[in-house]
PDB file of N, CA and C in Angstrom:
ATOM      1  N   MET A   1       4.798   7.269 -15.289  1.00  0.00           N
ATOM      2  CA  MET A   1       4.190   8.542 -15.582  1.00  0.00           C
ATOM      3  C   MET A   1       4.152   9.379 -14.304  1.00  0.00           C
ATOM      4  N   ARG A   2       4.387  10.675 -14.430  1.00  0.00           N
ATOM      5  CA  ARG A   2       4.269  11.592 -13.291  1.00  0.00           C
ATOM      6  C   ARG A   2       2.809  12.019 -13.167  1.00  0.00           C
ATOM      7  N   ILE A   3       2.200  11.678 -12.041  1.00  0.00           N
ATOM      8  CA  ILE A   3       0.768  11.924 -11.839  1.00  0.00           C
ATOM      9  C   ILE A   3       0.566  12.728 -10.561  1.00  0.00           C
ATOM     10  N   LEU A   4      -0.327  13.694 -10.637  1.00  0.00           N
ATOM     11  CA  LEU A   4      -0.755  14.450  -9.467  1.00  0.00           C
ATOM     12  C   LEU A   4      -2.206  14.085  -9.191  1.00  0.00           C
ATOM     13  N   VAL A   5      -2.475  13.590  -7.990  1.00  0.00           N
ATOM     14  CA  VAL A   5      -3.829  13.258  -7.544  1.00  0.00           C
ATOM     15  C   VAL A   5      -4.288  14.380  -6.627  1.00  0.00           C
ATOM     16  N   VAL A   6      -5.463  14.946  -6.918  1.00  0.00           N
ATOM     17  CA  VAL A   6      -5.976  16.054  -6.119  1.00  0.00           C
ATOM     18  C   VAL A   6      -7.388  15.725  -5.656  1.00  0.00           C
ATOM     19  N   ASP A   7      -7.564  15.645  -4.337  1.00  0.00           N
ATOM     20  CA  ASP A   7      -8.886  15.365  -3.771  1.00  0.00           C
ATOM     21  C   ASP A   7      -8.883  15.836  -2.324  1.00  0.00           C
ATOM     22  N   ASP A   8      -9.948  16.529  -1.920  1.00  0.00           N
ATOM     23  CA  ASP A   8     -10.031  16.991  -0.531  1.00  0.00           C
ATOM     24  C   ASP A   8     -10.427  15.870   0.423  1.00  0.00           C
ATOM     25  N   ASN A   9     -10.834  14.723  -0.107  1.00  0.00           N
ATOM     26  CA  ASN A   9     -11.085  13.546   0.711  1.00  0.00           C
ATOM     27  C   ASN A   9      -9.748  12.811   0.842  1.00  0.00           C
ATOM     28  N   LEU A  10      -9.130  12.934   1.993  1.00  0.00           N
ATOM     29  CA  LEU A  10      -7.780  12.400   2.193  1.00  0.00           C
ATOM     30  C   LEU A  10      -7.690  10.906   1.916  1.00  0.00           C
ATOM     31  N   ASP A  11      -8.658  10.140   2.399  1.00  0.00           N
ATOM     32  CA  ASP A  11      -8.634   8.694   2.191  1.00  0.00           C
ATOM     33  C   ASP A  11      -8.755   8.335   0.715  1.00  0.00           C
ATOM     34  N   ALA A  12      -9.646   9.012   0.004  1.00  0.00           N
ATOM     35  CA  ALA A  12      -9.826   8.746  -1.423  1.00  0.00           C
ATOM     36  C   ALA A  12      -8.559   9.076  -2.194  1.00  0.00           C
ATOM     37  N   ALA A  13      -7.940  10.216  -1.874  1.00  0.00           N
ATOM     38  CA  ALA A  13      -6.714  10.625  -2.555  1.00  0.00           C
ATOM     39  C   ALA A  13      -5.587   9.634  -2.304  1.00  0.00           C
ATOM     40  N   GLU A  14      -5.414   9.231  -1.058  1.00  0.00           N
ATOM     41  CA  GLU A  14      -4.324   8.315  -0.720  1.00  0.00           C
ATOM     42  C   GLU A  14      -4.549   6.928  -1.326  1.00  0.00           C
ATOM     43  N   ALA A  15      -5.791   6.467  -1.343  1.00  0.00           N
ATOM     44  CA  ALA A  15      -6.087   5.157  -1.942  1.00  0.00           C
ATOM     45  C   ALA A  15      -5.802   5.162  -3.442  1.00  0.00           C
ATOM     46  N   LEU A  16      -6.218   6.215  -4.119  1.00  0.00           N
ATOM     47  CA  LEU A  16      -5.969   6.319  -5.558  1.00  0.00           C
ATOM     48  C   LEU A  16      -4.468   6.421  -5.828  1.00  0.00           C
ATOM     49  N   ALA A  17      -3.764   7.204  -5.025  1.00  0.00           N
ATOM     50  CA  ALA A  17      -2.318   7.340  -5.189  1.00  0.00           C
ATOM     51  C   ALA A  17      -1.604   6.004  -4.965  1.00  0.00           C
ATOM     52  N   LEU A  18      -2.034   5.266  -3.964  1.00  0.00           N
ATOM     53  CA  LEU A  18      -1.440   3.963  -3.682  1.00  0.00           C
ATOM     54  C   LEU A  18      -1.601   3.019  -4.878  1.00  0.00           C
ATOM     55  N   LEU A  19      -2.793   2.990  -5.435  1.00  0.00           N
ATOM     56  CA  LEU A  19      -3.053   2.136  -6.598  1.00  0.00           C
ATOM     57  C   LEU A  19      -2.195   2.558  -7.792  1.00  0.00           C
ATOM     58  N   LEU A  20      -2.109   3.849  -8.033  1.00  0.00           N
ATOM     59  CA  LEU A  20      -1.298   4.344  -9.147  1.00  0.00           C
ATOM     60  C   LEU A  20       0.183   4.034  -8.949  1.00  0.00           C
ATOM     61  N   ARG A  21       0.668   4.128  -7.720  1.00  0.00           N
ATOM     62  CA  ARG A  21       2.066   3.778  -7.428  1.00  0.00           C
ATOM     63  C   ARG A  21       2.290   2.287  -7.660  1.00  0.00           C
ATOM     64  N   TYR A  22       1.330   1.482  -7.234  1.00  0.00           N
ATOM     65  CA  TYR A  22       1.416   0.037  -7.440  1.00  0.00           C
ATOM     66  C   TYR A  22       1.523  -0.290  -8.931  1.00  0.00           C
ATOM     67  N   MET A  23       0.891   0.532  -9.762  1.00  0.00           N
ATOM     68  CA  MET A  23       0.932   0.351 -11.220  1.00  0.00           C
ATOM     69  C   MET A  23       2.230   0.894 -11.821  1.00  0.00           C
ATOM     70  N   GLY A  24       3.120   1.409 -10.985  1.00  0.00           N
ATOM     71  CA  GLY A  24       4.431   1.832 -11.457  1.00  0.00           C
ATOM     72  C   GLY A  24       4.601   3.308 -11.757  1.00  0.00           C
ATOM     73  N   ASN A  25       3.698   4.139 -11.277  1.00  0.00           N
ATOM     74  CA  ASN A  25       3.755   5.563 -11.562  1.00  0.00           C
ATOM     75  C   ASN A  25       4.393   6.348 -10.420  1.00  0.00           C
ATOM     76  N   ASP A  26       4.905   7.527 -10.772  1.00  0.00           N
ATOM     77  CA  ASP A  26       5.437   8.479  -9.799  1.00  0.00           C
ATOM     78  C   ASP A  26       4.268   9.396  -9.435  1.00  0.00           C
ATOM     79  N   VAL A  27       3.798   9.319  -8.195  1.00  0.00           N
ATOM     80  CA  VAL A  27       2.555   9.997  -7.812  1.00  0.00           C
ATOM     81  C   VAL A  27       2.780  10.955  -6.655  1.00  0.00           C
ATOM     82  N   ARG A  28       2.219  12.144  -6.804  1.00  0.00           N
ATOM     83  CA  ARG A  28       2.164  13.108  -5.710  1.00  0.00           C
ATOM     84  C   ARG A  28       0.695  13.387  -5.428  1.00  0.00           C
ATOM     85  N   VAL A  29       0.424  13.850  -4.215  1.00  0.00           N
ATOM     86  CA  VAL A  29      -0.957  14.084  -3.784  1.00  0.00           C
ATOM     87  C   VAL A  29      -1.091  15.498  -3.247  1.00  0.00           C
ATOM     88  N   ALA A  30      -2.198  16.136  -3.604  1.00  0.00           N
ATOM     89  CA  ALA A  30      -2.573  17.431  -3.032  1.00  0.00           C
ATOM     90  C   ALA A  30      -4.016  17.306  -2.559  1.00  0.00           C
ATOM     91  N   HIS A  31      -4.350  18.036  -1.496  1.00  0.00           N
ATOM     92  CA  HIS A  31      -5.685  17.892  -0.911  1.00  0.00           C
ATOM     93  C   HIS A  31      -6.573  19.114  -1.081  1.00  0.00           C
ATOM     94  N   ASP A  32      -6.128  20.070  -1.876  1.00  0.00           N
ATOM     95  CA  ASP A  32      -6.980  21.216  -2.204  1.00  0.00           C
ATOM     96  C   ASP A  32      -6.434  21.881  -3.460  1.00  0.00           C
ATOM     97  N   GLY A  33      -7.224  22.779  -4.009  1.00  0.00           N
ATOM     98  CA  GLY A  33      -6.851  23.415  -5.267  1.00  0.00           C
ATOM     99  C   GLY A  33      -5.579  24.233  -5.185  1.00  0.00           C
ATOM    100  N   ARG A  34      -5.407  24.980  -4.120  1.00  0.00           N
ATOM    101  CA  ARG A  34      -4.199  25.803  -3.981  1.00  0.00           C
ATOM    102  C   ARG A  34      -2.938  24.942  -3.922  1.00  0.00           C
ATOM    103  N   SER A  35      -3.002  23.864  -3.161  1.00  0.00           N
ATOM    104  CA  SER A  35      -1.859  22.942  -3.087  1.00  0.00           C
ATOM    105  C   SER A  35      -1.597  22.280  -4.433  1.00  0.00           C
ATOM    106  N   ALA A  36      -2.654  21.997  -5.174  1.00  0.00           N
ATOM    107  CA  ALA A  36      -2.508  21.403  -6.507  1.00  0.00           C
ATOM    108  C   ALA A  36      -1.772  22.359  -7.443  1.00  0.00           C
ATOM    109  N   LEU A  37      -2.125  23.638  -7.399  1.00  0.00           N
ATOM    110  CA  LEU A  37      -1.454  24.627  -8.238  1.00  0.00           C
ATOM    111  C   LEU A  37       0.029  24.711  -7.889  1.00  0.00           C
ATOM    112  N   GLU A  38       0.339  24.741  -6.605  1.00  0.00           N
ATOM    113  CA  GLU A  38       1.731  24.807  -6.163  1.00  0.00           C
ATOM    114  C   GLU A  38       2.507  23.564  -6.596  1.00  0.00           C
ATOM    115  N   ALA A  39       1.918  22.395  -6.404  1.00  0.00           N
ATOM    116  CA  ALA A  39       2.591  21.141  -6.758  1.00  0.00           C
ATOM    117  C   ALA A  39       2.837  21.051  -8.258  1.00  0.00           C
ATOM    118  N   ALA A  40       1.858  21.451  -9.056  1.00  0.00           N
ATOM    119  CA  ALA A  40       1.995  21.389 -10.513  1.00  0.00           C
ATOM    120  C   ALA A  40       3.070  22.353 -10.999  1.00  0.00           C
ATOM    121  N   ARG A  41       3.145  23.509 -10.386  1.00  0.00           N
ATOM    122  CA  ARG A  41       4.159  24.493 -10.785  1.00  0.00           C
ATOM    123  C   ARG A  41       5.556  24.065 -10.358  1.00  0.00           C
ATOM    124  N   LEU A  42       5.661  23.401  -9.229  1.00  0.00           N
ATOM    125  CA  LEU A  42       6.950  22.953  -8.711  1.00  0.00           C
ATOM    126  C   LEU A  42       7.553  21.841  -9.565  1.00  0.00           C
ATOM    127  N   GLU A  43       6.725  20.860  -9.886  1.00  0.00           N
ATOM    128  CA  GLU A  43       7.151  19.735 -10.724  1.00  0.00           C
ATOM    129  C   GLU A  43       5.985  19.339 -11.617  1.00  0.00           C
ATOM    130  N   PRO A  44       5.937  19.884 -12.830  1.00  0.00           N
ATOM    131  CA  PRO A  44       4.774  19.636 -13.699  1.00  0.00           C
ATOM    132  C   PRO A  44       4.525  18.148 -13.943  1.00  0.00           C
ATOM    133  N   PRO A  45       3.306  17.716 -13.661  1.00  0.00           N
ATOM    134  CA  PRO A  45       2.953  16.317 -13.922  1.00  0.00           C
ATOM    135  C   PRO A  45       2.589  16.125 -15.395  1.00  0.00           C
ATOM    136  N   GLN A  46       2.521  14.871 -15.792  1.00  0.00           N
ATOM    137  CA  GLN A  46       2.032  14.549 -17.129  1.00  0.00           C
ATOM    138  C   GLN A  46       0.515  14.377 -17.115  1.00  0.00           C
ATOM    139  N   LEU A  47       0.002  13.993 -15.956  1.00  0.00           N
ATOM    140  CA  LEU A  47      -1.425  13.714 -15.795  1.00  0.00           C
ATOM    141  C   LEU A  47      -1.874  14.196 -14.428  1.00  0.00           C
ATOM    142  N   VAL A  48      -3.055  14.827 -14.388  1.00  0.00           N
ATOM    143  CA  VAL A  48      -3.638  15.270 -13.124  1.00  0.00           C
ATOM    144  C   VAL A  48      -5.016  14.638 -12.986  1.00  0.00           C
ATOM    145  N   LEU A  49      -5.213  13.869 -11.930  1.00  0.00           N
ATOM    146  CA  LEU A  49      -6.519  13.307 -11.597  1.00  0.00           C
ATOM    147  C   LEU A  49      -7.101  14.236 -10.544  1.00  0.00           C
ATOM    148  N   LEU A  50      -8.194  14.899 -10.901  1.00  0.00           N
ATOM    149  CA  LEU A  50      -8.624  16.073 -10.164  1.00  0.00           C
ATOM    150  C   LEU A  50     -10.092  16.006  -9.752  1.00  0.00           C
ATOM    151  N   ASP A  51     -10.309  16.057  -8.435  1.00  0.00           N
ATOM    152  CA  ASP A  51     -11.664  16.166  -7.906  1.00  0.00           C
ATOM    153  C   ASP A  51     -12.217  17.530  -8.317  1.00  0.00           C
ATOM    154  N   LEU A  52     -13.494  17.592  -8.580  1.00  0.00           N
ATOM    155  CA  LEU A  52     -14.095  18.856  -9.013  1.00  0.00           C
ATOM    156  C   LEU A  52     -14.602  19.684  -7.848  1.00  0.00           C
ATOM    157  N   GLY A  53     -15.275  19.054  -6.902  1.00  0.00           N
ATOM    158  CA  GLY A  53     -15.973  19.770  -5.846  1.00  0.00           C
ATOM    159  C   GLY A  53     -15.158  19.983  -4.590  1.00  0.00           C
ATOM    160  N   MET A  54     -14.131  20.813  -4.689  1.00  0.00           N
ATOM    161  CA  MET A  54     -13.319  21.131  -3.520  1.00  0.00           C
ATOM    162  C   MET A  54     -13.627  22.557  -3.075  1.00  0.00           C
ATOM    163  N   PRO A  55     -13.546  22.813  -1.777  1.00  0.00           N
ATOM    164  CA  PRO A  55     -13.779  24.184  -1.304  1.00  0.00           C
ATOM    165  C   PRO A  55     -12.657  25.117  -1.762  1.00  0.00           C
ATOM    166  N   GLY A  56     -12.981  26.388  -1.892  1.00  0.00           N
ATOM    167  CA  GLY A  56     -11.979  27.367  -2.319  1.00  0.00           C
ATOM    168  C   GLY A  56     -11.743  27.263  -3.809  1.00  0.00           C
ATOM    169  N   VAL A  57     -10.568  26.833  -4.186  1.00  0.00           N
ATOM    170  CA  VAL A  57     -10.203  26.660  -5.592  1.00  0.00           C
ATOM    171  C   VAL A  57     -10.660  25.265  -6.017  1.00  0.00           C
ATOM    172  N   ASP A  58     -11.722  25.204  -6.833  1.00  0.00           N
ATOM    173  CA  ASP A  58     -12.236  23.894  -7.241  1.00  0.00           C
ATOM    174  C   ASP A  58     -11.468  23.346  -8.447  1.00  0.00           C
ATOM    175  N   GLY A  59     -11.826  22.144  -8.864  1.00  0.00           N
ATOM    176  CA  GLY A  59     -11.135  21.493  -9.970  1.00  0.00           C
ATOM    177  C   GLY A  59     -11.211  22.263 -11.270  1.00  0.00           C
ATOM    178  N   TYR A  60     -12.346  22.862 -11.553  1.00  0.00           N
ATOM    179  CA  TYR A  60     -12.490  23.657 -12.773  1.00  0.00           C
ATOM    180  C   TYR A  60     -11.521  24.838 -12.767  1.00  0.00           C
ATOM    181  N   ASP A  61     -11.377  25.462 -11.613  1.00  0.00           N
ATOM    182  CA  ASP A  61     -10.498  26.619 -11.493  1.00  0.00           C
ATOM    183  C   ASP A  61      -9.030  26.214 -11.621  1.00  0.00           C
ATOM    184  N   VAL A  62      -8.662  25.063 -11.081  1.00  0.00           N
ATOM    185  CA  VAL A  62      -7.292  24.576 -11.216  1.00  0.00           C
ATOM    186  C   VAL A  62      -6.938  24.420 -12.695  1.00  0.00           C
ATOM    187  N   VAL A  63      -7.811  23.778 -13.449  1.00  0.00           N
ATOM    188  CA  VAL A  63      -7.562  23.578 -14.882  1.00  0.00           C
ATOM    189  C   VAL A  63      -7.469  24.921 -15.598  1.00  0.00           C
ATOM    190  N   ALA A  64      -8.414  25.810 -15.339  1.00  0.00           N
ATOM    191  CA  ALA A  64      -8.424  27.109 -16.008  1.00  0.00           C
ATOM    192  C   ALA A  64      -7.141  27.887 -15.728  1.00  0.00           C
ATOM    193  N   ARG A  65      -6.703  27.895 -14.492  1.00  0.00           N
ATOM    194  CA  ARG A  65      -5.490  28.648 -14.128  1.00  0.00           C
ATOM    195  C   ARG A  65      -4.245  28.061 -14.778  1.00  0.00           C
ATOM    196  N   LEU A  66      -4.106  26.746 -14.735  1.00  0.00           N
ATOM    197  CA  LEU A  66      -2.913  26.133 -15.308  1.00  0.00           C
ATOM    198  C   LEU A  66      -2.904  26.227 -16.828  1.00  0.00           C
ATOM    199  N   ARG A  67      -4.045  26.140 -17.460  1.00  0.00           N
ATOM    200  CA  ARG A  67      -4.109  26.242 -18.918  1.00  0.00           C
ATOM    201  C   ARG A  67      -3.662  27.628 -19.410  1.00  0.00           C
ATOM    202  N   ARG A  68      -3.820  28.642 -18.562  1.00  0.00           N
ATOM    203  CA  ARG A  68      -3.406  30.001 -18.940  1.00  0.00           C
ATOM    204  C   ARG A  68      -1.902  30.214 -18.818  1.00  0.00           C
ATOM    205  N   GLU A  69      -1.201  29.303 -18.157  1.00  0.00           N
ATOM    206  CA  GLU A  69       0.232  29.462 -17.927  1.00  0.00           C
ATOM    207  C   GLU A  69       1.048  28.699 -18.968  1.00  0.00           C
ATOM    208  N   ASP A  70       2.208  29.259 -19.296  1.00  0.00           N
ATOM    209  CA  ASP A  70       3.121  28.584 -20.216  1.00  0.00           C
ATOM    210  C   ASP A  70       3.615  27.287 -19.596  1.00  0.00           C
ATOM    211  N   GLY A  71       3.793  26.274 -20.442  1.00  0.00           N
ATOM    212  CA  GLY A  71       4.357  25.019 -19.996  1.00  0.00           C
ATOM    213  C   GLY A  71       3.352  23.987 -19.522  1.00  0.00           C
ATOM    214  N   PHE A  72       2.070  24.338 -19.523  1.00  0.00           N
ATOM    215  CA  PHE A  72       1.062  23.396 -19.037  1.00  0.00           C
ATOM    216  C   PHE A  72       0.121  22.902 -20.135  1.00  0.00           C
ATOM    217  N   GLY A  73       0.449  23.201 -21.376  1.00  0.00           N
ATOM    218  CA  GLY A  73      -0.408  22.806 -22.481  1.00  0.00           C
ATOM    219  C   GLY A  73      -0.453  21.310 -22.746  1.00  0.00           C
ATOM    220  N   GLU A  74       0.600  20.612 -22.365  1.00  0.00           N
ATOM    221  CA  GLU A  74       0.671  19.171 -22.636  1.00  0.00           C
ATOM    222  C   GLU A  74       0.102  18.313 -21.514  1.00  0.00           C
ATOM    223  N   ILE A  75      -0.193  18.914 -20.390  1.00  0.00           N
ATOM    224  CA  ILE A  75      -0.727  18.148 -19.264  1.00  0.00           C
ATOM    225  C   ILE A  75      -2.150  17.703 -19.571  1.00  0.00           C
ATOM    226  N   ARG A  76      -2.433  16.465 -19.235  1.00  0.00           N
ATOM    227  CA  ARG A  76      -3.797  15.946 -19.378  1.00  0.00           C
ATOM    228  C   ARG A  76      -4.472  15.993 -18.018  1.00  0.00           C
ATOM    229  N   PHE A  77      -5.668  16.553 -18.012  1.00  0.00           N
ATOM    230  CA  PHE A  77      -6.458  16.646 -16.793  1.00  0.00           C
ATOM    231  C   PHE A  77      -7.622  15.676 -16.885  1.00  0.00           C
ATOM    232  N   VAL A  78      -7.842  14.934 -15.802  1.00  0.00           N
ATOM    233  CA  VAL A  78      -8.947  13.978 -15.732  1.00  0.00           C
ATOM    234  C   VAL A  78      -9.809  14.338 -14.532  1.00  0.00           C
ATOM    235  N   ALA A  79     -11.083  14.583 -14.786  1.00  0.00           N
ATOM    236  CA  ALA A  79     -12.029  14.843 -13.707  1.00  0.00           C
ATOM    237  C   ALA A  79     -12.313  13.528 -12.993  1.00  0.00           C
ATOM    238  N   VAL A  80     -12.261  13.565 -11.672  1.00  0.00           N
ATOM    239  CA  VAL A  80     -12.601  12.404 -10.846  1.00  0.00           C
ATOM    240  C   VAL A  80     -13.648  12.915  -9.862  1.00  0.00           C
ATOM    241  N   THR A  81     -14.891  12.503 -10.096  1.00  0.00           N
ATOM    242  CA  THR A  81     -15.999  13.087  -9.351  1.00  0.00           C
ATOM    243  C   THR A  81     -17.100  12.070  -9.107  1.00  0.00           C
ATOM    244  N   GLY A  82     -18.012  12.412  -8.251  1.00  0.00           N
ATOM    245  CA  GLY A  82     -19.114  11.519  -7.923  1.00  0.00           C
ATOM    246  C   GLY A  82     -20.268  11.593  -8.899  1.00  0.00           C
ATOM    247  N   SER A  83     -20.197  12.478  -9.868  1.00  0.00           N
ATOM    248  CA  SER A  83     -21.320  12.685 -10.781  1.00  0.00           C
ATOM    249  C   SER A  83     -20.920  12.443 -12.229  1.00  0.00           C
ATOM    250  N   GLY A  84     -21.729  11.664 -12.928  1.00  0.00           N
ATOM    251  CA  GLY A  84     -21.430  11.341 -14.319  1.00  0.00           C
ATOM    252  C   GLY A  84     -22.602  11.549 -15.258  1.00  0.00           C
ATOM    253  N   MET A  85     -23.438  12.508 -14.936  1.00  0.00           N
ATOM    254  CA  MET A  85     -24.589  12.816 -15.798  1.00  0.00           C
ATOM    255  C   MET A  85     -24.094  13.475 -17.089  1.00  0.00           C
ATOM    256  N   PRO A  86     -24.869  13.411 -18.169  1.00  0.00           N
ATOM    257  CA  PRO A  86     -24.439  14.022 -19.430  1.00  0.00           C
ATOM    258  C   PRO A  86     -24.024  15.491 -19.295  1.00  0.00           C
ATOM    259  N   GLU A  87     -24.732  16.251 -18.477  1.00  0.00           N
ATOM    260  CA  GLU A  87     -24.377  17.656 -18.274  1.00  0.00           C
ATOM    261  C   GLU A  87     -23.001  17.778 -17.611  1.00  0.00           C
ATOM    262  N   ASP A  88     -22.678  16.887 -16.687  1.00  0.00           N
ATOM    263  CA  ASP A  88     -21.367  16.901 -16.034  1.00  0.00           C
ATOM    264  C   ASP A  88     -20.255  16.594 -17.038  1.00  0.00           C
ATOM    265  N   LEU A  89     -20.502  15.608 -17.886  1.00  0.00           N
ATOM    266  CA  LEU A  89     -19.523  15.239 -18.909  1.00  0.00           C
ATOM    267  C   LEU A  89     -19.296  16.383 -19.889  1.00  0.00           C
ATOM    268  N   ARG A  90     -20.351  17.043 -20.292  1.00  0.00           N
ATOM    269  CA  ARG A  90     -20.245  18.185 -21.204  1.00  0.00           C
ATOM    270  C   ARG A  90     -19.440  19.302 -20.562  1.00  0.00           C
ATOM    271  N   ARG A  91     -19.745  19.577 -19.322  1.00  0.00           N
ATOM    272  CA  ARG A  91     -19.089  20.678 -18.618  1.00  0.00           C
ATOM    273  C   ARG A  91     -17.584  20.430 -18.445  1.00  0.00           C
ATOM    274  N   THR A  92     -17.197  19.215 -18.089  1.00  0.00           N
ATOM    275  CA  THR A  92     -15.765  18.942 -17.930  1.00  0.00           C
ATOM    276  C   THR A  92     -15.048  18.981 -19.283  1.00  0.00           C
ATOM    277  N   ARG A  93     -15.678  18.482 -20.313  1.00  0.00           N
ATOM    278  CA  ARG A  93     -15.083  18.523 -21.653  1.00  0.00           C
ATOM    279  C   ARG A  93     -14.839  19.975 -22.080  1.00  0.00           C
ATOM    280  N   GLU A  94     -15.847  20.820 -21.858  1.00  0.00           N
ATOM    281  CA  GLU A  94     -15.724  22.233 -22.226  1.00  0.00           C
ATOM    282  C   GLU A  94     -14.677  22.956 -21.383  1.00  0.00           C
ATOM    283  N   ALA A  95     -14.444  22.491 -20.167  1.00  0.00           N
ATOM    284  CA  ALA A  95     -13.472  23.125 -19.278  1.00  0.00           C
ATOM    285  C   ALA A  95     -12.028  22.719 -19.594  1.00  0.00           C
ATOM    286  N   GLY A  96     -11.851  21.745 -20.497  1.00  0.00           N
ATOM    287  CA  GLY A  96     -10.513  21.350 -20.892  1.00  0.00           C
ATOM    288  C   GLY A  96     -10.012  20.046 -20.305  1.00  0.00           C
ATOM    289  N   PHE A  97     -10.905  19.271 -19.700  1.00  0.00           N
ATOM    290  CA  PHE A  97     -10.521  17.961 -19.191  1.00  0.00           C
ATOM    291  C   PHE A  97     -10.425  16.972 -20.352  1.00  0.00           C
ATOM    292  N   SER A  98      -9.470  16.058 -20.273  1.00  0.00           N
ATOM    293  CA  SER A  98      -9.289  15.036 -21.302  1.00  0.00           C
ATOM    294  C   SER A  98     -10.187  13.826 -21.090  1.00  0.00           C
ATOM    295  N   ALA A  99     -10.625  13.626 -19.856  1.00  0.00           N
ATOM    296  CA  ALA A  99     -11.468  12.473 -19.523  1.00  0.00           C
ATOM    297  C   ALA A  99     -12.230  12.774 -18.238  1.00  0.00           C
ATOM    298  N   HIS A 100     -13.224  11.925 -17.971  1.00  0.00           N
ATOM    299  CA  HIS A 100     -14.101  12.103 -16.814  1.00  0.00           C
ATOM    300  C   HIS A 100     -14.335  10.727 -16.193  1.00  0.00           C
ATOM    301  N   LEU A 101     -13.888  10.544 -14.958  1.00  0.00           N
ATOM    302  CA  LEU A 101     -14.100   9.287 -14.230  1.00  0.00           C
ATOM    303  C   LEU A 101     -15.045   9.533 -13.065  1.00  0.00           C
ATOM    304  N   VAL A 102     -15.913   8.555 -12.828  1.00  0.00           N
ATOM    305  CA  VAL A 102     -16.870   8.658 -11.730  1.00  0.00           C
ATOM    306  C   VAL A 102     -16.377   7.813 -10.562  1.00  0.00           C
ATOM    307  N   LYS A 103     -16.407   8.427  -9.378  1.00  0.00           N
ATOM    308  CA  LYS A 103     -16.015   7.736  -8.143  1.00  0.00           C
ATOM    309  C   LYS A 103     -17.061   6.710  -7.751  1.00  0.00           C
ATOM    310  N   PRO A 104     -16.670   5.619  -7.168  1.00  0.00           N
ATOM    311  CA  PRO A 104     -15.304   5.177  -6.987  1.00  0.00           C
ATOM    312  C   PRO A 104     -14.725   4.678  -8.312  1.00  0.00           C
ATOM    313  N   VAL A 105     -13.482   5.030  -8.571  1.00  0.00           N
ATOM    314  CA  VAL A 105     -12.823   4.658  -9.824  1.00  0.00           C
ATOM    315  C   VAL A 105     -12.363   3.209  -9.727  1.00  0.00           C
ATOM    316  N   SER A 106     -12.773   2.427 -10.697  1.00  0.00           N
ATOM    317  CA  SER A 106     -12.371   1.014 -10.699  1.00  0.00           C
ATOM    318  C   SER A 106     -10.938   0.874 -11.203  1.00  0.00           C
ATOM    319  N   THR A 107     -10.308  -0.199 -10.818  1.00  0.00           N
ATOM    320  CA  THR A 107      -8.951  -0.494 -11.278  1.00  0.00           C
ATOM    321  C   THR A 107      -8.921  -0.625 -12.794  1.00  0.00           C
ATOM    322  N   ASP A 108      -9.930  -1.268 -13.363  1.00  0.00           N
ATOM    323  CA  ASP A 108      -9.991  -1.434 -14.815  1.00  0.00           C
ATOM    324  C   ASP A 108     -10.105  -0.089 -15.528  1.00  0.00           C
ATOM    325  N   ALA A 109     -10.937   0.803 -15.004  1.00  0.00           N
ATOM    326  CA  ALA A 109     -11.091   2.127 -15.617  1.00  0.00           C
ATOM    327  C   ALA A 109      -9.779   2.897 -15.537  1.00  0.00           C
ATOM    328  N   LEU A 110      -9.076   2.765 -14.444  1.00  0.00           N
ATOM    329  CA  LEU A 110      -7.796   3.444 -14.277  1.00  0.00           C
ATOM    330  C   LEU A 110      -6.746   2.898 -15.244  1.00  0.00           C
ATOM    331  N   ARG A 111      -6.689   1.590 -15.376  1.00  0.00           N
ATOM    332  CA  ARG A 111      -5.745   0.972 -16.316  1.00  0.00           C
ATOM    333  C   ARG A 111      -6.038   1.423 -17.751  1.00  0.00           C
ATOM    334  N   GLU A 112      -7.311   1.405 -18.105  1.00  0.00           N
ATOM    335  CA  GLU A 112      -7.705   1.830 -19.456  1.00  0.00           C
ATOM    336  C   GLU A 112      -7.306   3.278 -19.717  1.00  0.00           C
ATOM    337  N   LEU A 113      -7.526   4.125 -18.740  1.00  0.00           N
ATOM    338  CA  LEU A 113      -7.172   5.533 -18.856  1.00  0.00           C
ATOM    339  C   LEU A 113      -5.664   5.691 -19.081  1.00  0.00           C
ATOM    340  N   LEU A 114      -4.860   5.015 -18.262  1.00  0.00           N
ATOM    341  CA  LEU A 114      -3.406   5.129 -18.380  1.00  0.00           C
ATOM    342  C   LEU A 114      -2.909   4.579 -19.715  1.00  0.00           C
ATOM    343  N   GLU A 115      -3.538   3.553 -20.219  1.00  0.00           N
ATOM    344  CA  GLU A 115      -3.151   3.008 -21.528  1.00  0.00           C
ATOM    345  C   GLU A 115      -3.431   3.998 -22.646  1.00  0.00           C
ATOM    346  N   ARG A 116      -4.506   4.769 -22.527  1.00  0.00           N
ATOM    347  CA  ARG A 116      -4.853   5.776 -23.546  1.00  0.00           C
ATOM    348  C   ARG A 116      -3.873   6.927 -23.552  1.00  0.00           C
ATOM    349  N   PHE A 117      -3.369   7.274 -22.388  1.00  0.00           N
ATOM    350  CA  PHE A 117      -2.478   8.433 -22.272  1.00  0.00           C
ATOM    351  C   PHE A 117      -1.043   8.007 -22.285  1.00  0.00           C
TER     352      PHE A 117
END
């Protein structure tokens, strides 16, 4: 699967990307919202694992912008964040995310997610 990992925490992004590559996926990494938009437009991923709380263009804005563009309707967006309260889950669902994972993401949760998609 073509996956884009987006997180402003470089270590977290690289660790998640490494695990996804180990699972056999084609993974690219972006460290901010603007880079995520550029990467997605250059080579559209099938799945985007997206941190929400990034400076500048946050995860919610990345989803909103890409959803407005042609060719991005089939992409699945997954929120990857430190908060999993009911209000957070509601907000990501309403913003167009397909799933919500709480950091640190376990290997089992990641496998389950990939099996669903």
